[in-house]
C-alpha atoms as a PDB file:
ATOM      1  CA  GLU A   1    -173.395   0.945  78.189  1.00  0.00           C
ATOM      2  CA  ALA A   2    -174.923  -0.800  80.815  1.00  0.00           C
ATOM      3  CA  GLU A   3    -171.180  -3.182  80.834  1.00  0.00           C
ATOM      4  CA  THR A   4    -169.393   0.412  81.140  1.00  0.00           C
ATOM      5  CA  GLU A   5    -171.974   1.736  83.987  1.00  0.00           C
ATOM      6  CA  ARG A   6    -171.483  -1.878  86.155  1.00  0.00           C
ATOM      7  CA  MET A   7    -167.445  -1.620  85.468  1.00  0.00           C
ATOM      8  CA  ARG A   8    -167.620   1.986  86.803  1.00  0.00           C
ATOM      9  CA  GLY A   9    -169.488   1.401  89.702  1.00  0.00           C
ATOM     10  CA  ASN A  10    -167.217  -1.670  90.212  1.00  0.00           C
ATOM     11  CA  LEU A  11    -164.391   0.584  90.341  1.00  0.00           C
ATOM     12  CA  LEU A  12    -165.387   3.414  92.545  1.00  0.00           C
ATOM     13  CA  ARG A  13    -166.630   0.170  95.398  1.00  0.00           C
ATOM     14  CA  ALA A  14    -163.120  -0.699  95.001  1.00  0.00           C
ATOM     15  CA  VAL A  15    -161.575   2.662  94.879  1.00  0.00           C
ATOM     16  CA  SER A  16    -162.816   3.295  98.268  1.00  0.00           C
ATOM     17  CA  HIS A  17    -162.195  -0.186  99.620  1.00  0.00           C
ATOM     18  CA  ASP A  18    -157.943  -0.254  97.786  1.00  0.00           C
ATOM     19  CA  LEU A  19    -157.209   3.857  99.281  1.00  0.00           C
ATOM     20  CA  ARG A  20    -158.939   3.308 102.552  1.00  0.00           C
ATOM     21  CA  THR A  21    -156.198   0.742 103.470  1.00  0.00           C
ATOM     22  CA  PRO A  22    -153.070   2.373 102.496  1.00  0.00           C
ATOM     23  CA  LEU A  23    -154.317   6.008 103.315  1.00  0.00           C
ATOM     24  CA  THR A  24    -154.874   5.270 107.188  1.00  0.00           C
ATOM     25  CA  SER A  25    -151.269   2.633 107.274  1.00  0.00           C
ATOM     26  CA  ILE A  26    -149.674   6.661 105.584  1.00  0.00           C
ATOM     27  CA  TYR A  27    -151.457   8.173 108.221  1.00  0.00           C
ATOM     28  CA  GLY A  28    -150.769   5.791 111.647  1.00  0.00           C
ATOM     29  CA  SER A  29    -146.910   5.512 110.822  1.00  0.00           C
ATOM     30  CA  CYS A  30    -146.127   9.155 110.165  1.00  0.00           C
ATOM     31  CA  SER A  31    -148.288   9.556 113.432  1.00  0.00           C
ATOM     32  CA  ALA A  32    -146.057   7.023 115.291  1.00  0.00           C
ATOM     33  CA  ILE A  33    -142.857   8.754 113.990  1.00  0.00           C
ATOM     34  CA  LEU A  34    -144.164  12.338 115.195  1.00  0.00           C
ATOM     35  CA  GLU A  35    -145.781  11.675 118.134  1.00  0.00           C
ATOM     36  CA  ASN A  36    -142.424   9.206 119.429  1.00  0.00           C
ATOM     37  CA  TYR A  37    -139.396  10.065 117.204  1.00  0.00           C
ATOM     38  CA  ASP A  38    -136.941   9.972 120.382  1.00  0.00           C
ATOM     39  CA  ARG A  39    -138.276   7.331 121.897  1.00  0.00           C
ATOM     40  CA  ILE A  40    -138.732   4.753 118.510  1.00  0.00           C
ATOM     41  CA  PRO A  41    -135.581   2.617 117.742  1.00  0.00           C
ATOM     42  CA  GLU A  42    -133.932   3.553 114.496  1.00  0.00           C
ATOM     43  CA  GLU A  43    -134.742   0.424 113.106  1.00  0.00           C
ATOM     44  CA  ARG A  44    -138.432   0.636 113.683  1.00  0.00           C
ATOM     45  CA  LYS A  45    -138.598   3.733 112.247  1.00  0.00           C
ATOM     46  CA  MET A  46    -137.028   2.679 108.787  1.00  0.00           C
ATOM     47  CA  THR A  47    -139.565   0.323 109.358  1.00  0.00           C
ATOM     48  CA  LEU A  48    -142.444   2.601 109.367  1.00  0.00           C
ATOM     49  CA  LEU A  49    -141.002   4.815 106.674  1.00  0.00           C
ATOM     50  CA  LYS A  50    -140.271   1.965 104.353  1.00  0.00           C
ATOM     51  CA  ASP A  51    -143.937   0.800 104.660  1.00  0.00           C
ATOM     52  CA  ILE A  52    -145.729   4.748 104.195  1.00  0.00           C
ATOM     53  CA  GLN A  53    -142.946   4.518 101.153  1.00  0.00           C
ATOM     54  CA  THR A  54    -144.998   0.838  99.767  1.00  0.00           C
ATOM     55  CA  ASP A  55    -148.288   2.662 100.438  1.00  0.00           C
ATOM     56  CA  SER A  56    -147.122   5.116  98.716  1.00  0.00           C
ATOM     57  CA  GLN A  57    -146.327   3.508  95.715  1.00  0.00           C
ATOM     58  CA  TRP A  58    -149.613   1.913  95.763  1.00  0.00           C
ATOM     59  CA  LEU A  59    -151.729   4.823  95.586  1.00  0.00           C
ATOM     60  CA  ASN A  60    -149.667   6.187  92.775  1.00  0.00           C
ATOM     61  CA  ARG A  61    -150.446   3.548  90.968  1.00  0.00           C
ATOM     62  CA  MET A  62    -154.071   3.672  91.762  1.00  0.00           C
ATOM     63  CA  VAL A  63    -154.060   6.777  90.393  1.00  0.00           C
ATOM     64  CA  GLU A  64    -152.496   5.826  87.510  1.00  0.00           C
ATOM     65  CA  ASN A  65    -155.165   3.324  86.788  1.00  0.00           C
ATOM     66  CA  LEU A  66    -157.867   6.087  87.165  1.00  0.00           C
ATOM     67  CA  LEU A  67    -156.081   8.002  84.758  1.00  0.00           C
ATOM     68  CA  SER A  68    -156.703   5.735  82.775  1.00  0.00           C
ATOM     69  CA  VAL A  69    -160.023   4.795  83.754  1.00  0.00           C
ATOM     70  CA  THR A  70    -161.078   8.521  82.671  1.00  0.00           C
ATOM     71  CA  ARG A  71    -159.879   7.977  79.452  1.00  0.00           C
ATOM     72  CA  VAL A  72    -162.541   5.176  78.407  1.00  0.00           C
ATOM     73  CA  ASP A  73    -165.867   6.283  77.200  1.00  0.00           C
ATOM     74  CA  ALA A  74    -168.235   3.316  77.042  1.00  0.00           C
ATOM     75  CA  ASP A  75    -165.492   0.351  76.468  1.00  0.00           C
ATOM     76  CA  LYS A  76    -163.299   2.549  74.260  1.00  0.00           C
ATOM     77  CA  VAL A  77    -160.507   4.673  74.816  1.00  0.00           C
ATOM     78  CA  ARG A  78    -159.028   8.041  73.557  1.00  0.00           C
ATOM     79  CA  LEU A  79    -155.668   6.856  71.822  1.00  0.00           C
ATOM     80  CA  SER A  80    -152.825   9.166  71.187  1.00  0.00           C
ATOM     81  CA  LYS A  81    -150.941   6.420  68.880  1.00  0.00           C
ATOM     82  CA  HIS A  82    -147.531   7.170  67.002  1.00  0.00           C
ATOM     83  CA  SER A  83    -145.055   5.233  65.927  1.00  0.00           C
ATOM     84  CA  VAL A  84    -142.867   3.146  69.003  1.00  0.00           C
ATOM     85  CA  VAL A  85    -139.862   1.648  68.346  1.00  0.00           C
ATOM     86  CA  LEU A  86    -139.893  -1.882  70.710  1.00  0.00           C
ATOM     87  CA  GLU A  87    -137.154  -1.406  72.114  1.00  0.00           C
ATOM     88  CA  GLU A  88    -137.006   1.899  73.307  1.00  0.00           C
ATOM     89  CA  LEU A  89    -140.692   1.293  74.906  1.00  0.00           C
ATOM     90  CA  ILE A  90    -138.879  -2.112  76.523  1.00  0.00           C
ATOM     91  CA  ASP A  91    -136.067   0.202  77.976  1.00  0.00           C
ATOM     92  CA  ALA A  92    -138.735   2.936  78.993  1.00  0.00           C
ATOM     93  CA  LEU A  93    -140.437   0.300  81.010  1.00  0.00           C
ATOM     94  CA  LEU A  94    -137.291  -1.420  82.245  1.00  0.00           C
ATOM     95  CA  VAL A  95    -136.149   2.555  83.894  1.00  0.00           C
ATOM     96  CA  LYS A  96    -139.380   2.635  85.330  1.00  0.00           C
ATOM     97  CA  PHE A  97    -140.125  -0.662  86.904  1.00  0.00           C
ATOM     98  CA  HIS A  98    -136.401  -1.299  88.524  1.00  0.00           C
ATOM     99  CA  LYS A  99    -136.741   2.300  90.459  1.00  0.00           C
ATOM    100  CA  HIS A 100    -139.768   1.474  92.126  1.00  0.00           C
ATOM    101  CA  TYR A 101    -138.899  -2.244  92.486  1.00  0.00           C
ATOM    102  CA  PRO A 102    -134.868  -2.026  92.712  1.00  0.00           C
ATOM    103  CA  ASP A 103    -134.293  -6.186  94.095  1.00  0.00           C
ATOM    104  CA  LYS A 104    -136.712  -7.600  91.781  1.00  0.00           C
ATOM    105  CA  THR A 105    -135.289  -9.068  88.402  1.00  0.00           C
ATOM    106  CA  ILE A 106    -136.837  -9.383  85.262  1.00  0.00           C
ATOM    107  CA  GLN A 107    -135.377 -11.602  82.373  1.00  0.00           C
ATOM    108  CA  VAL A 108    -136.017  -9.383  79.538  1.00  0.00           C
ATOM    109  CA  THR A 109    -136.442 -11.407  75.523  1.00  0.00           C
ATOM    110  CA  ILE A 110    -136.998  -9.257  72.804  1.00  0.00           C
ATOM    111  CA  PRO A 111    -136.853  -9.833  68.366  1.00  0.00           C
ATOM    112  CA  GLU A 112    -133.266  -8.313  67.276  1.00  0.00           C
ATOM    113  CA  ASP A 113    -135.158  -7.304  64.138  1.00  0.00           C
ATOM    114  CA  PHE A 114    -136.056  -3.618  64.424  1.00  0.00           C
ATOM    115  CA  VAL A 115    -139.669  -3.310  65.369  1.00  0.00           C
ATOM    116  CA  SER A 116    -141.629  -0.462  65.364  1.00  0.00           C
ATOM    117  CA  ILE A 117    -144.977  -0.677  66.205  1.00  0.00           C
ATOM    118  CA  PRO A 118    -148.456   1.885  66.347  1.00  0.00           C
ATOM    119  CA  MET A 119    -149.492   2.014  69.516  1.00  0.00           C
ATOM    120  CA  ASP A 120    -150.115   5.279  72.362  1.00  0.00           C
ATOM    121  CA  PRO A 121    -146.861   4.373  74.346  1.00  0.00           C
ATOM    122  CA  VAL A 122    -148.254   5.597  77.538  1.00  0.00           C
ATOM    123  CA  LEU A 123    -151.067   3.252  78.098  1.00  0.00           C
ATOM    124  CA  ILE A 124    -148.601  -0.119  77.040  1.00  0.00           C
ATOM    125  CA  GLU A 125    -146.639   1.093  78.981  1.00  0.00           C
ATOM    126  CA  GLN A 126    -148.948   0.837  82.274  1.00  0.00           C
ATOM    127  CA  VAL A 127    -150.289  -1.954  80.895  1.00  0.00           C
ATOM    128  CA  LEU A 128    -146.876  -3.784  81.251  1.00  0.00           C
ATOM    129  CA  MET A 129    -146.381  -2.276  84.222  1.00  0.00           C
ATOM    130  CA  ASN A 130    -149.212  -3.506  86.168  1.00  0.00           C
ATOM    131  CA  LEU A 131    -149.198  -7.069  84.664  1.00  0.00           C
ATOM    132  CA  LEU A 132    -145.206  -6.700  86.084  1.00  0.00           C
ATOM    133  CA  GLU A 133    -146.601  -5.180  89.151  1.00  0.00           C
ATOM    134  CA  ASN A 134    -149.117  -8.629  89.300  1.00  0.00           C
ATOM    135  CA  ALA A 135    -146.454 -10.818  89.661  1.00  0.00           C
ATOM    136  CA  VAL A 136    -144.520  -8.855  92.190  1.00  0.00           C
ATOM    137  CA  PHE A 137    -147.685  -8.359  94.743  1.00  0.00           C
ATOM    138  CA  HIS A 138    -149.637 -11.626  93.442  1.00  0.00           C
ATOM    139  CA  ALA A 139    -147.056 -14.694  92.679  1.00  0.00           C
ATOM    140  CA  HIS A 140    -146.100 -15.970  95.861  1.00  0.00           C
ATOM    141  CA  GLY A 141    -142.900 -18.019  95.705  1.00  0.00           C
ATOM    142  CA  MET A 142    -141.895 -16.634  92.159  1.00  0.00           C
ATOM    143  CA  LYS A 143    -138.415 -16.938  91.371  1.00  0.00           C
ATOM    144  CA  ASN A 144    -137.987 -15.949  88.253  1.00  0.00           C
ATOM    145  CA  LEU A 145    -139.976 -13.003  86.029  1.00  0.00           C
ATOM    146  CA  TRP A 146    -140.199 -12.980  82.548  1.00  0.00           C
ATOM    147  CA  LEU A 147    -141.008 -10.218  79.962  1.00  0.00           C
ATOM    148  CA  ARG A 148    -140.676 -11.390  76.054  1.00  0.00           C
ATOM    149  CA  VAL A 149    -141.942 -10.375  72.463  1.00  0.00           C
ATOM    150  CA  GLU A 150    -142.337 -12.664  69.453  1.00  0.00           C
ATOM    151  CA  LEU A 151    -142.969 -11.158  66.266  1.00  0.00           C
ATOM    152  CA  GLN A 152    -145.797 -13.455  64.615  1.00  0.00           C
ATOM    153  CA  ASN A 153    -147.963 -12.831  61.831  1.00  0.00           C
ATOM    154  CA  LYS A 154    -147.165  -9.132  61.361  1.00  0.00           C
ATOM    155  CA  HIS A 155    -147.642  -8.998  65.148  1.00  0.00           C
ATOM    156  CA  ALA A 156    -145.561  -8.192  68.416  1.00  0.00           C
ATOM    157  CA  VAL A 157    -146.878 -10.715  70.719  1.00  0.00           C
ATOM    158  CA  PHE A 158    -145.702  -9.928  74.420  1.00  0.00           C
ATOM    159  CA  PHE A 159    -145.812 -12.199  77.240  1.00  0.00           C
ATOM    160  CA  VAL A 160    -145.216 -11.634  81.101  1.00  0.00           C
ATOM    161  CA  GLU A 161    -144.790 -14.879  82.685  1.00  0.00           C
ATOM    162  CA  ASP A 162    -143.799 -16.188  86.412  1.00  0.00           C
ATOM    163  CA  ASP A 163    -143.062 -19.382  88.263  1.00  0.00           C
ATOM    164  CA  GLY A 164    -145.195 -17.892  90.832  1.00  0.00           C
ATOM    165  CA  CYS A 165    -148.254 -19.648  92.620  1.00  0.00           C
ATOM    166  CA  GLY A 166    -150.283 -19.756  89.829  1.00  0.00           C
ATOM    167  CA  ILE A 167    -153.713 -18.574  89.144  1.00  0.00           C
ATOM    168  CA  PRO A 168    -156.420 -19.969  91.061  1.00  0.00           C
ATOM    169  CA  ASP A 169    -159.102 -21.489  88.592  1.00  0.00           C
ATOM    170  CA  GLU A 170    -161.763 -19.815  89.838  1.00  0.00           C
ATOM    171  CA  ARG A 171    -160.551 -16.306  89.360  1.00  0.00           C
ATOM    172  CA  ILE A 172    -159.193 -16.911  85.921  1.00  0.00           C
ATOM    173  CA  GLN A 173    -162.496 -16.288  84.287  1.00  0.00           C
ATOM    174  CA  HIS A 174    -163.154 -12.796  86.288  1.00  0.00           C
ATOM    175  CA  LEU A 175    -159.419 -11.399  86.065  1.00  0.00           C
ATOM    176  CA  PHE A 176    -160.061  -9.093  83.646  1.00  0.00           C
ATOM    177  CA  THR A 177    -164.177  -7.747  84.754  1.00  0.00           C
ATOM    178  CA  GLY A 178    -162.700  -5.205  88.069  1.00  0.00           C
ATOM    179  CA  LEU A 179    -164.928  -6.704  90.056  1.00  0.00           C
ATOM    180  CA  LEU A 180    -163.541  -6.767  94.039  1.00  0.00           C
ATOM    181  CA  ASP A 181    -162.539  -9.491  95.514  1.00  0.00           C
ATOM    182  CA  SER A 182    -165.044 -10.086  98.617  1.00  0.00           C
ATOM    183  CA  GLU A 183    -162.462 -12.507  99.903  1.00  0.00           C
ATOM    184  CA  ALA A 184    -159.564 -10.728  99.635  1.00  0.00           C
ATOM    185  CA  PRO A 185    -157.816  -9.139 103.104  1.00  0.00           C
ATOM    186  CA  ALA A 186    -157.982  -5.570 103.314  1.00  0.00           C
ATOM    187  CA  ASP A 187    -154.048  -4.968 104.438  1.00  0.00           C
ATOM    188  CA  SER A 188    -150.913  -4.420 102.266  1.00  0.00           C
ATOM    189  CA  ALA A 189    -150.757  -7.722 100.646  1.00  0.00           C
ATOM    190  CA  ARG A 190    -152.818  -5.451  97.996  1.00  0.00           C
ATOM    191  CA  SER A 191    -154.683  -8.424  96.961  1.00  0.00           C
ATOM    192  CA  ASN A 192    -157.283  -7.010  94.560  1.00  0.00           C
ATOM    193  CA  MET A 193    -156.063  -6.638  91.106  1.00  0.00           C
ATOM    194  CA  GLY A 194    -158.659  -6.451  89.480  1.00  0.00           C
ATOM    195  CA  ILE A 195    -159.017  -3.031  88.834  1.00  0.00           C
ATOM    196  CA  GLY A 196    -155.364  -2.769  86.632  1.00  0.00           C
ATOM    197  CA  LEU A 197    -156.487  -5.575  84.775  1.00  0.00           C
ATOM    198  CA  SER A 198    -159.837  -4.477  83.989  1.00  0.00           C
ATOM    199  CA  VAL A 199    -157.926  -1.118  82.394  1.00  0.00           C
ATOM    200  CA  CYS A 200    -155.471  -3.227  80.451  1.00  0.00           C
ATOM    201  CA  ARG A 201    -158.369  -5.387  79.018  1.00  0.00           C
ATOM    202  CA  THR A 202    -159.854  -2.389  77.535  1.00  0.00           C
ATOM    203  CA  ILE A 203    -156.699  -0.851  76.206  1.00  0.00           C
ATOM    204  CA  ILE A 204    -155.448  -4.071  74.907  1.00  0.00           C
ATOM    205  CA  LYS A 205    -159.503  -3.888  73.218  1.00  0.00           C
ATOM    206  CA  ALA A 206    -158.543  -0.303  71.321  1.00  0.00           C
ATOM    207  CA  HIS A 207    -155.487  -1.495  70.047  1.00  0.00           C
ATOM    208  CA  GLY A 208    -157.448  -3.965  68.223  1.00  0.00           C
ATOM    209  CA  GLY A 209    -156.092  -6.985  70.797  1.00  0.00           C
ATOM    210  CA  GLU A 210    -156.712  -9.025  73.669  1.00  0.00           C
ATOM    211  CA  LEU A 211    -155.456 -10.007  76.458  1.00  0.00           C
ATOM    212  CA  LYS A 212    -155.869 -13.085  78.090  1.00  0.00           C
ATOM    213  CA  ALA A 213    -154.025 -15.293  81.032  1.00  0.00           C
ATOM    214  CA  HIS A 214    -153.230 -18.843  82.157  1.00  0.00           C
ATOM    215  CA  ASN A 215    -151.504 -21.356  83.838  1.00  0.00           C
ATOM    216  CA  ARG A 216    -148.236 -22.570  82.938  1.00  0.00           C
ATOM    217  CA  GLU A 217    -147.816 -25.889  83.105  1.00  0.00           C
ATOM    218  CA  GLU A 218    -144.628 -25.933  85.020  1.00  0.00           C
ATOM    219  CA  GLY A 219    -146.205 -23.951  87.585  1.00  0.00           C
ATOM    220  CA  GLY A 220    -147.496 -19.919  87.841  1.00  0.00           C
ATOM    221  CA  SER A 221    -148.846 -17.828  84.985  1.00  0.00           C
ATOM    222  CA  VAL A 222    -148.801 -16.529  81.900  1.00  0.00           C
ATOM    223  CA  PHE A 223    -150.424 -13.557  80.525  1.00  0.00           C
ATOM    224  CA  ARG A 224    -150.392 -12.129  76.667  1.00  0.00           C
ATOM    225  CA  PHE A 225    -151.320  -9.597  74.427  1.00  0.00           C
ATOM    226  CA  ALA A 226    -150.520  -8.963  70.316  1.00  0.00           C
ATOM    227  CA  LEU A 227    -150.126  -5.529  68.547  1.00  0.00           C
ATOM    228  CA  GLU A 228    -149.907  -5.050  64.884  1.00  0.00           C
ATOM    229  CA  MET A 229    -146.437  -4.101  63.985  1.00  0.00           C
ATOM    230  CA  GLU A 230    -145.933  -1.264  61.324  1.00  0.00           C
ATOM    231  CA  GLU A 231    -145.272  -2.452  57.875  1.00  0.00           C
ATOM    232  CA  LEU A 232    -141.660  -1.121  56.621  1.00  0.00           C
END
């Protein structure tokens, strides 16, 4: 109970921090366009509109995370589980991802076998979306982004990998705590990724798995978790 309250307190502090910056940016960009519409060059207008779009996407992501947090009670999640075909889950995820990040490419590898997994598909899709978005936001220098699923001992093991800058060793142990990184700049870089990952960890734990992270020897990072498959 104390851990749950600590997490909720950290979330409230982090939310007030993370929501203020994009809201201020959206307001400022809209005001600039409305007050100086005829004097602002078209190129500058497009830049301001793209900034508004980016900040709006971030706010939407934060709201989705918070909606999931409302389903967390004493480190438990109220699941709505049913059998989900792996291929259909991945297809829905990719459609959502490419809608938000049309210029990003994901290299996907999934088993050719028919795989059905008991899960809450909305929450698992959100976990995967958060992991992919974290790579987009934080894996500086990334050239490749991979999503693959392997079958191991009656489990489907999900991997999200990138070849970016990797995760500093001192941060790995705090990735899933939901703590706000006090050294993170409060700007459009959106450096804090603790909220999403703490929620992800709780969701995976509710499904009987564990979310883990480590750095790749070749550079970049790996996030992985396993879900038990349905017996056919």
